[in-house]
C-alpha atoms as a PDB file:
ATOM      1  CA  UNK A   1      -0.165   0.002  -0.003  1.00  0.00           C
ATOM      2  CA  UNK A   2       1.663   3.374  -0.936  1.00  0.00           C
ATOM      3  CA  UNK A   3       1.369   6.139   1.779  1.00  0.00           C
ATOM      4  CA  UNK A   4       3.116  10.018   1.027  1.00  0.00           C
ATOM      5  CA  UNK A   5       2.284  12.868  -0.651  1.00  0.00           C
ATOM      6  CA  UNK A   6       2.378  14.250  -3.836  1.00  0.00           C
ATOM      7  CA  UNK A   7       1.921  17.511  -4.993  1.00  0.00           C
ATOM      8  CA  UNK A   8       0.029  18.971  -7.729  1.00  0.00           C
ATOM      9  CA  UNK A   9       2.050  18.431 -10.415  1.00  0.00           C
ATOM     10  CA  UNK A  10       2.534  14.692  -9.531  1.00  0.00           C
ATOM     11  CA  UNK A  11      -0.544  13.828  -8.661  1.00  0.00           C
ATOM     12  CA  UNK A  12      -2.245  15.479 -12.125  1.00  0.00           C
ATOM     13  CA  UNK A  13      -0.109  13.227 -13.939  1.00  0.00           C
ATOM     14  CA  UNK A  14      -0.554  10.021 -11.863  1.00  0.00           C
ATOM     15  CA  UNK A  15      -4.734  10.694 -12.703  1.00  0.00           C
ATOM     16  CA  UNK A  16      -3.638  11.573 -16.260  1.00  0.00           C
ATOM     17  CA  UNK A  17      -5.365  14.419 -15.226  1.00  0.00           C
ATOM     18  CA  UNK A  18      -4.938  18.613 -16.458  1.00  0.00           C
ATOM     19  CA  UNK A  19      -3.652  20.305 -13.305  1.00  0.00           C
ATOM     20  CA  UNK A  20      -5.715  22.856 -13.424  1.00  0.00           C
ATOM     21  CA  UNK A  21      -8.889  20.911 -13.198  1.00  0.00           C
ATOM     22  CA  UNK A  22      -7.533  18.539 -10.486  1.00  0.00           C
ATOM     23  CA  UNK A  23      -6.915  21.853  -8.178  1.00  0.00           C
ATOM     24  CA  UNK A  24     -10.661  23.019  -9.238  1.00  0.00           C
ATOM     25  CA  UNK A  25     -11.590  19.824  -7.452  1.00  0.00           C
ATOM     26  CA  UNK A  26      -9.276  20.265  -4.617  1.00  0.00           C
ATOM     27  CA  UNK A  27     -10.428  23.315  -3.980  1.00  0.00           C
ATOM     28  CA  UNK A  28     -14.193  22.212  -4.416  1.00  0.00           C
ATOM     29  CA  UNK A  29     -13.338  20.136  -1.779  1.00  0.00           C
ATOM     30  CA  UNK A  30     -14.442  17.159  -4.358  1.00  0.00           C
ATOM     31  CA  UNK A  31     -10.985  15.305  -3.794  1.00  0.00           C
ATOM     32  CA  UNK A  32      -9.157  14.451  -0.868  1.00  0.00           C
ATOM     33  CA  UNK A  33      -5.768  17.184  -0.348  1.00  0.00           C
ATOM     34  CA  UNK A  34      -4.134  18.884   2.410  1.00  0.00           C
ATOM     35  CA  UNK A  35      -3.666  23.325   1.281  1.00  0.00           C
ATOM     36  CA  UNK A  36      -0.211  24.043   2.363  1.00  0.00           C
ATOM     37  CA  UNK A  37       0.057  27.807   1.985  1.00  0.00           C
ATOM     38  CA  UNK A  38      -1.185  28.339  -1.652  1.00  0.00           C
ATOM     39  CA  UNK A  39      -0.399  24.815  -2.779  1.00  0.00           C
ATOM     40  CA  UNK A  40      -2.380  21.595  -2.511  1.00  0.00           C
ATOM     41  CA  UNK A  41      -0.792  17.998  -1.684  1.00  0.00           C
ATOM     42  CA  UNK A  42      -2.624  15.050  -2.102  1.00  0.00           C
ATOM     43  CA  UNK A  43      -2.145  11.950  -0.395  1.00  0.00           C
ATOM     44  CA  UNK A  44      -1.337   8.705  -2.683  1.00  0.00           C
ATOM     45  CA  UNK A  45      -3.808   6.051  -1.451  1.00  0.00           C
ATOM     46  CA  UNK A  46      -6.337   8.623  -0.709  1.00  0.00           C
ATOM     47  CA  UNK A  47      -5.787  10.086  -4.101  1.00  0.00           C
ATOM     48  CA  UNK A  48      -5.909   6.572  -5.506  1.00  0.00           C
ATOM     49  CA  UNK A  49      -9.167   5.864  -3.686  1.00  0.00           C
ATOM     50  CA  UNK A  50     -10.757   8.929  -5.714  1.00  0.00           C
ATOM     51  CA  UNK A  51      -9.870   7.892  -8.541  1.00  0.00           C
ATOM     52  CA  UNK A  52     -11.587   4.264  -8.235  1.00  0.00           C
ATOM     53  CA  UNK A  53     -14.606   6.122  -7.343  1.00  0.00           C
ATOM     54  CA  UNK A  54     -14.612   8.382 -10.367  1.00  0.00           C
ATOM     55  CA  UNK A  55     -14.261   5.882 -12.705  1.00  0.00           C
ATOM     56  CA  UNK A  56     -16.790   3.889 -11.597  1.00  0.00           C
ATOM     57  CA  UNK A  57     -18.992   7.215 -12.240  1.00  0.00           C
ATOM     58  CA  UNK A  58     -18.009   8.056 -15.224  1.00  0.00           C
ATOM     59  CA  UNK A  59     -20.187   8.675 -18.442  1.00  0.00           C
ATOM     60  CA  UNK A  60     -19.123   6.145 -21.167  1.00  0.00           C
ATOM     61  CA  UNK A  61     -17.632   8.555 -23.640  1.00  0.00           C
ATOM     62  CA  UNK A  62     -14.753  10.195 -20.833  1.00  0.00           C
ATOM     63  CA  UNK A  63     -14.913   6.311 -19.766  1.00  0.00           C
ATOM     64  CA  UNK A  64     -13.195   5.842 -23.070  1.00  0.00           C
ATOM     65  CA  UNK A  65     -10.304   8.326 -22.641  1.00  0.00           C
ATOM     66  CA  UNK A  66      -9.342   6.468 -19.069  1.00  0.00           C
ATOM     67  CA  UNK A  67      -9.480   3.654 -20.498  1.00  0.00           C
ATOM     68  CA  UNK A  68      -7.277   4.960 -23.142  1.00  0.00           C
ATOM     69  CA  UNK A  69      -5.324   6.476 -20.199  1.00  0.00           C
ATOM     70  CA  UNK A  70      -5.293   3.201 -18.515  1.00  0.00           C
ATOM     71  CA  UNK A  71      -3.972   1.154 -20.990  1.00  0.00           C
ATOM     72  CA  UNK A  72      -1.194   3.729 -22.087  1.00  0.00           C
ATOM     73  CA  UNK A  73       0.022   3.226 -18.427  1.00  0.00           C
ATOM     74  CA  UNK A  74      -0.273  -0.940 -18.687  1.00  0.00           C
ATOM     75  CA  UNK A  75       1.673  -0.818 -21.246  1.00  0.00           C
ATOM     76  CA  UNK A  76       4.987   1.008 -19.920  1.00  0.00           C
ATOM     77  CA  UNK A  77       5.284  -2.459 -17.289  1.00  0.00           C
ATOM     78  CA  UNK A  78       4.125  -5.581 -18.678  1.00  0.00           C
ATOM     79  CA  UNK A  79       2.055  -4.902 -21.831  1.00  0.00           C
ATOM     80  CA  UNK A  80      -1.505  -5.488 -22.437  1.00  0.00           C
ATOM     81  CA  UNK A  81      -3.815  -7.695 -19.818  1.00  0.00           C
ATOM     82  CA  UNK A  82      -7.014  -8.641 -21.133  1.00  0.00           C
ATOM     83  CA  UNK A  83     -10.176  -9.700 -18.692  1.00  0.00           C
ATOM     84  CA  UNK A  84     -10.156 -12.767 -20.365  1.00  0.00           C
ATOM     85  CA  UNK A  85      -6.891 -13.468 -19.155  1.00  0.00           C
ATOM     86  CA  UNK A  86      -7.699 -12.870 -15.391  1.00  0.00           C
ATOM     87  CA  UNK A  87     -10.657 -15.074 -15.266  1.00  0.00           C
ATOM     88  CA  UNK A  88     -10.621 -18.977 -14.737  1.00  0.00           C
ATOM     89  CA  UNK A  89     -13.679 -20.944 -14.766  1.00  0.00           C
ATOM     90  CA  UNK A  90     -12.853 -21.762 -11.113  1.00  0.00           C
ATOM     91  CA  UNK A  91     -13.369 -18.212 -10.077  1.00  0.00           C
ATOM     92  CA  UNK A  92     -16.870 -17.738 -11.629  1.00  0.00           C
ATOM     93  CA  UNK A  93     -20.085 -18.879  -9.736  1.00  0.00           C
ATOM     94  CA  UNK A  94     -23.004 -18.846 -11.716  1.00  0.00           C
ATOM     95  CA  UNK A  95     -25.069 -18.995  -8.739  1.00  0.00           C
ATOM     96  CA  UNK A  96     -24.779 -16.646  -5.523  1.00  0.00           C
ATOM     97  CA  UNK A  97     -27.024 -17.657  -2.947  1.00  0.00           C
ATOM     98  CA  UNK A  98     -26.879 -14.520  -1.270  1.00  0.00           C
ATOM     99  CA  UNK A  99     -29.996 -12.169  -0.884  1.00  0.00           C
ATOM    100  CA  UNK A 100     -28.015  -8.773   0.434  1.00  0.00           C
ATOM    101  CA  UNK A 101     -25.024  -7.152  -0.250  1.00  0.00           C
ATOM    102  CA  UNK A 102     -23.014  -8.477   2.979  1.00  0.00           C
ATOM    103  CA  UNK A 103     -23.847 -11.971   1.492  1.00  0.00           C
ATOM    104  CA  UNK A 104     -23.097 -11.186  -2.026  1.00  0.00           C
ATOM    105  CA  UNK A 105     -19.108  -9.817  -0.376  1.00  0.00           C
ATOM    106  CA  UNK A 106     -18.733 -13.215   1.874  1.00  0.00           C
ATOM    107  CA  UNK A 107     -19.884 -15.963  -1.596  1.00  0.00           C
ATOM    108  CA  UNK A 108     -17.329 -13.461  -3.472  1.00  0.00           C
ATOM    109  CA  UNK A 109     -14.595 -13.458  -0.887  1.00  0.00           C
ATOM    110  CA  UNK A 110     -15.327 -17.220  -0.680  1.00  0.00           C
ATOM    111  CA  UNK A 111     -14.802 -17.759  -4.138  1.00  0.00           C
ATOM    112  CA  UNK A 112     -11.601 -15.115  -4.484  1.00  0.00           C
ATOM    113  CA  UNK A 113     -10.393 -17.286  -1.790  1.00  0.00           C
ATOM    114  CA  UNK A 114     -11.071 -20.243  -3.105  1.00  0.00           C
ATOM    115  CA  UNK A 115      -8.600 -19.775  -5.928  1.00  0.00           C
ATOM    116  CA  UNK A 116      -5.734 -20.094  -3.518  1.00  0.00           C
ATOM    117  CA  UNK A 117      -4.277 -16.980  -4.058  1.00  0.00           C
ATOM    118  CA  UNK A 118      -5.503 -14.761  -1.348  1.00  0.00           C
ATOM    119  CA  UNK A 119      -3.037 -14.525   1.182  1.00  0.00           C
ATOM    120  CA  UNK A 120      -5.210 -13.167   4.438  1.00  0.00           C
ATOM    121  CA  UNK A 121      -9.699 -13.542   3.474  1.00  0.00           C
ATOM    122  CA  UNK A 122     -10.886 -11.624   6.671  1.00  0.00           C
ATOM    123  CA  UNK A 123      -8.518  -9.115   5.194  1.00  0.00           C
ATOM    124  CA  UNK A 124      -9.904  -8.474   1.849  1.00  0.00           C
ATOM    125  CA  UNK A 125     -13.641  -9.314   3.081  1.00  0.00           C
ATOM    126  CA  UNK A 126     -12.931  -6.655   5.283  1.00  0.00           C
ATOM    127  CA  UNK A 127     -11.514  -4.356   2.671  1.00  0.00           C
ATOM    128  CA  UNK A 128     -14.089  -5.023   0.410  1.00  0.00           C
ATOM    129  CA  UNK A 129     -16.769  -3.350   3.136  1.00  0.00           C
ATOM    130  CA  UNK A 130     -15.175  -0.925   3.553  1.00  0.00           C
ATOM    131  CA  UNK A 131     -15.677  -0.102   0.087  1.00  0.00           C
ATOM    132  CA  UNK A 132     -18.816  -0.537   0.393  1.00  0.00           C
ATOM    133  CA  UNK A 133     -19.388   1.395   3.136  1.00  0.00           C
ATOM    134  CA  UNK A 134     -17.477   4.306   1.731  1.00  0.00           C
ATOM    135  CA  UNK A 135     -19.262   3.992  -1.814  1.00  0.00           C
ATOM    136  CA  UNK A 136     -20.869   1.588  -3.815  1.00  0.00           C
ATOM    137  CA  UNK A 137     -18.879  -0.568  -6.586  1.00  0.00           C
ATOM    138  CA  UNK A 138     -22.535  -0.734  -8.444  1.00  0.00           C
ATOM    139  CA  UNK A 139     -22.567   0.678 -11.998  1.00  0.00           C
ATOM    140  CA  UNK A 140     -26.033   0.468 -12.764  1.00  0.00           C
ATOM    141  CA  UNK A 141     -27.442  -2.160 -15.331  1.00  0.00           C
ATOM    142  CA  UNK A 142     -27.385  -5.173 -12.578  1.00  0.00           C
ATOM    143  CA  UNK A 143     -23.239  -5.076 -12.362  1.00  0.00           C
ATOM    144  CA  UNK A 144     -20.977  -4.381  -9.648  1.00  0.00           C
ATOM    145  CA  UNK A 145     -17.200  -4.729 -10.038  1.00  0.00           C
ATOM    146  CA  UNK A 146     -15.984  -5.019  -6.072  1.00  0.00           C
ATOM    147  CA  UNK A 147     -12.200  -4.488  -4.986  1.00  0.00           C
ATOM    148  CA  UNK A 148     -10.630  -3.053  -1.509  1.00  0.00           C
ATOM    149  CA  UNK A 149     -10.821   0.156  -0.580  1.00  0.00           C
ATOM    150  CA  UNK A 150      -6.974   1.229  -0.775  1.00  0.00           C
ATOM    151  CA  UNK A 151      -5.281  -1.040  -3.232  1.00  0.00           C
ATOM    152  CA  UNK A 152      -2.812  -3.513  -1.181  1.00  0.00           C
ATOM    153  CA  UNK A 153      -0.224  -5.347  -3.641  1.00  0.00           C
ATOM    154  CA  UNK A 154       0.096  -7.478  -0.960  1.00  0.00           C
ATOM    155  CA  UNK A 155      -3.087  -9.306  -0.411  1.00  0.00           C
ATOM    156  CA  UNK A 156      -3.226 -11.552  -2.923  1.00  0.00           C
ATOM    157  CA  UNK A 157      -0.098 -13.341  -5.112  1.00  0.00           C
ATOM    158  CA  UNK A 158      -1.085 -12.747  -8.158  1.00  0.00           C
ATOM    159  CA  UNK A 159      -3.414 -10.972 -10.258  1.00  0.00           C
ATOM    160  CA  UNK A 160      -6.619 -12.431 -10.690  1.00  0.00           C
ATOM    161  CA  UNK A 161     -10.781 -11.766 -11.252  1.00  0.00           C
ATOM    162  CA  UNK A 162     -13.773 -13.569  -9.819  1.00  0.00           C
ATOM    163  CA  UNK A 163     -17.472 -13.508 -11.076  1.00  0.00           C
ATOM    164  CA  UNK A 164     -20.619 -13.829  -9.436  1.00  0.00           C
ATOM    165  CA  UNK A 165     -24.144 -14.022 -10.869  1.00  0.00           C
ATOM    166  CA  UNK A 166     -27.016 -14.158  -8.192  1.00  0.00           C
ATOM    167  CA  UNK A 167     -29.809 -15.779  -8.204  1.00  0.00           C
ATOM    168  CA  UNK A 168     -31.597 -12.696  -7.715  1.00  0.00           C
ATOM    169  CA  UNK A 169     -31.200  -9.214  -7.665  1.00  0.00           C
ATOM    170  CA  UNK A 170     -29.661  -7.879  -5.082  1.00  0.00           C
ATOM    171  CA  UNK A 171     -30.197  -3.854  -3.156  1.00  0.00           C
ATOM    172  CA  UNK A 172     -26.825  -3.195  -3.771  1.00  0.00           C
ATOM    173  CA  UNK A 173     -26.541   0.720  -4.047  1.00  0.00           C
ATOM    174  CA  UNK A 174     -26.598   0.793  -7.349  1.00  0.00           C
ATOM    175  CA  UNK A 175     -27.327   5.170  -9.396  1.00  0.00           C
ATOM    176  CA  UNK A 176     -30.089   3.403 -11.478  1.00  0.00           C
ATOM    177  CA  UNK A 177     -31.697   2.428  -8.209  1.00  0.00           C
ATOM    178  CA  UNK A 178     -32.258  -1.362  -9.759  1.00  0.00           C
ATOM    179  CA  UNK A 179     -30.952  -4.524  -8.142  1.00  0.00           C
ATOM    180  CA  UNK A 180     -27.829  -6.026  -8.982  1.00  0.00           C
ATOM    181  CA  UNK A 181     -27.016  -9.541  -9.811  1.00  0.00           C
ATOM    182  CA  UNK A 182     -23.332  -9.627 -11.891  1.00  0.00           C
ATOM    183  CA  UNK A 183     -20.370  -9.026  -9.700  1.00  0.00           C
ATOM    184  CA  UNK A 184     -17.198  -8.761 -10.676  1.00  0.00           C
ATOM    185  CA  UNK A 185     -14.312  -9.263  -7.905  1.00  0.00           C
ATOM    186  CA  UNK A 186     -11.188  -7.395  -8.711  1.00  0.00           C
ATOM    187  CA  UNK A 187      -7.706  -8.461  -7.099  1.00  0.00           C
ATOM    188  CA  UNK A 188      -4.579  -7.125  -8.934  1.00  0.00           C
ATOM    189  CA  UNK A 189      -1.195  -6.756  -7.177  1.00  0.00           C
ATOM    190  CA  UNK A 190      -0.353  -3.784  -9.673  1.00  0.00           C
ATOM    191  CA  UNK A 191      -1.848  -0.758  -9.225  1.00  0.00           C
ATOM    192  CA  UNK A 192      -1.818  -0.128 -13.187  1.00  0.00           C
ATOM    193  CA  UNK A 193      -3.292  -3.379 -13.366  1.00  0.00           C
ATOM    194  CA  UNK A 194      -5.892  -2.167 -11.262  1.00  0.00           C
ATOM    195  CA  UNK A 195      -7.327   0.642 -12.791  1.00  0.00           C
ATOM    196  CA  UNK A 196      -7.155  -0.778 -16.178  1.00  0.00           C
ATOM    197  CA  UNK A 197      -9.218  -3.556 -15.207  1.00  0.00           C
ATOM    198  CA  UNK A 198     -11.459  -1.259 -13.687  1.00  0.00           C
ATOM    199  CA  UNK A 199     -11.890   1.039 -16.945  1.00  0.00           C
ATOM    200  CA  UNK A 200     -12.407  -2.000 -18.964  1.00  0.00           C
ATOM    201  CA  UNK A 201     -15.097  -3.641 -16.996  1.00  0.00           C
ATOM    202  CA  UNK A 202     -16.865  -0.026 -16.955  1.00  0.00           C
ATOM    203  CA  UNK A 203     -16.406   0.091 -20.630  1.00  0.00           C
ATOM    204  CA  UNK A 204     -17.439  -3.419 -21.068  1.00  0.00           C
ATOM    205  CA  UNK A 205     -20.853  -3.084 -19.005  1.00  0.00           C
ATOM    206  CA  UNK A 206     -21.591   0.232 -20.599  1.00  0.00           C
ATOM    207  CA  UNK A 207     -20.808  -0.504 -24.378  1.00  0.00           C
ATOM    208  CA  UNK A 208     -21.508  -4.108 -24.951  1.00  0.00           C
ATOM    209  CA  UNK A 209     -23.915  -6.572 -24.661  1.00  0.00           C
ATOM    210  CA  UNK A 210     -22.086  -8.709 -21.651  1.00  0.00           C
ATOM    211  CA  UNK A 211     -24.175  -8.165 -18.706  1.00  0.00           C
ATOM    212  CA  UNK A 212     -27.280  -9.252 -20.739  1.00  0.00           C
ATOM    213  CA  UNK A 213     -25.528 -12.344 -22.147  1.00  0.00           C
ATOM    214  CA  UNK A 214     -24.150 -13.322 -18.782  1.00  0.00           C
ATOM    215  CA  UNK A 215     -27.760 -13.286 -17.313  1.00  0.00           C
ATOM    216  CA  UNK A 216     -28.375 -16.147 -20.431  1.00  0.00           C
ATOM    217  CA  UNK A 217     -25.369 -18.231 -19.893  1.00  0.00           C
ATOM    218  CA  UNK A 218     -26.206 -21.614 -18.674  1.00  0.00           C
ATOM    219  CA  UNK A 219     -23.332 -22.203 -16.816  1.00  0.00           C
ATOM    220  CA  UNK A 220     -19.985 -21.314 -15.626  1.00  0.00           C
ATOM    221  CA  UNK A 221     -17.580 -21.661 -18.933  1.00  0.00           C
ATOM    222  CA  UNK A 222     -20.675 -20.109 -21.002  1.00  0.00           C
ATOM    223  CA  UNK A 223     -20.538 -16.795 -18.906  1.00  0.00           C
ATOM    224  CA  UNK A 224     -16.347 -16.812 -19.577  1.00  0.00           C
ATOM    225  CA  UNK A 225     -16.750 -17.216 -23.447  1.00  0.00           C
ATOM    226  CA  UNK A 226     -19.536 -14.446 -23.143  1.00  0.00           C
ATOM    227  CA  UNK A 227     -16.272 -12.177 -21.003  1.00  0.00           C
ATOM    228  CA  UNK A 228     -13.886 -13.236 -24.264  1.00  0.00           C
ATOM    229  CA  UNK A 229     -16.367 -13.000 -26.971  1.00  0.00           C
ATOM    230  CA  UNK A 230     -17.456  -9.299 -25.061  1.00  0.00           C
ATOM    231  CA  UNK A 231     -13.847  -7.978 -24.685  1.00  0.00           C
ATOM    232  CA  UNK A 232     -12.736  -8.944 -28.079  1.00  0.00           C
ATOM    233  CA  UNK A 233     -15.881  -7.038 -29.527  1.00  0.00           C
ATOM    234  CA  UNK A 234     -14.733  -3.682 -27.420  1.00  0.00           C
ATOM    235  CA  UNK A 235     -11.072  -3.477 -28.641  1.00  0.00           C
ATOM    236  CA  UNK A 236     -11.942  -4.106 -31.767  1.00  0.00           C
ATOM    237  CA  UNK A 237     -14.159  -1.347 -31.486  1.00  0.00           C
ATOM    238  CA  UNK A 238     -12.214   0.664 -30.196  1.00  0.00           C
ATOM    239  CA  UNK A 239      -8.847  -0.055 -32.284  1.00  0.00           C
ATOM    240  CA  UNK A 240     -11.150   1.020 -35.873  1.00  0.00           C
ATOM    241  CA  UNK A 241     -11.683   4.274 -34.274  1.00  0.00           C
END
């Protein structure tokens, strides 16, 4: 987990945001910041947590730009990683029995833990709960992209996703007021990959038939195929622009 503070220039670069825009957010107290004299400083972990919340609420048109930035940052390290690369059939649950938010968080934690890649199951559940208490990860349309409040590279041994589908929609605090039944859990060791994954999932939810196709899929294997097909379609469209 990254601590320490960044000045305005460094913080804006970290977010791929114009310095003036970030300054305006800070002046309106819409982003966590400390003012020292005339200058603003930003704690890394609070800035990253704000960036995650902001991304979930972005309009699809702005999401495309965020996704491009996330892809660019990711390419600087190990190159592009697809959502489908992070999913295994063992981490896909076609039926979650939970009937409320807490139950979903517990079921998804158990699903992630079953991969053998979670170091501390209780810490994961606590982080997910803290995130939902701060702000829902539901994006509307029946989907939620679960993740811990503060990114921790030592929470899991490898980056992966878990995918669950509840038997019936659960109230999850979605912005459209509707229930949520499709849940992705993001577990990444790398901050850049985490943001890349979150941005792509948001685009898939808003710009493809992913969610409807996941609901129609008969089993875990079919759900995995749906994710692969939706991602391939999305990337083809983005590359053709």
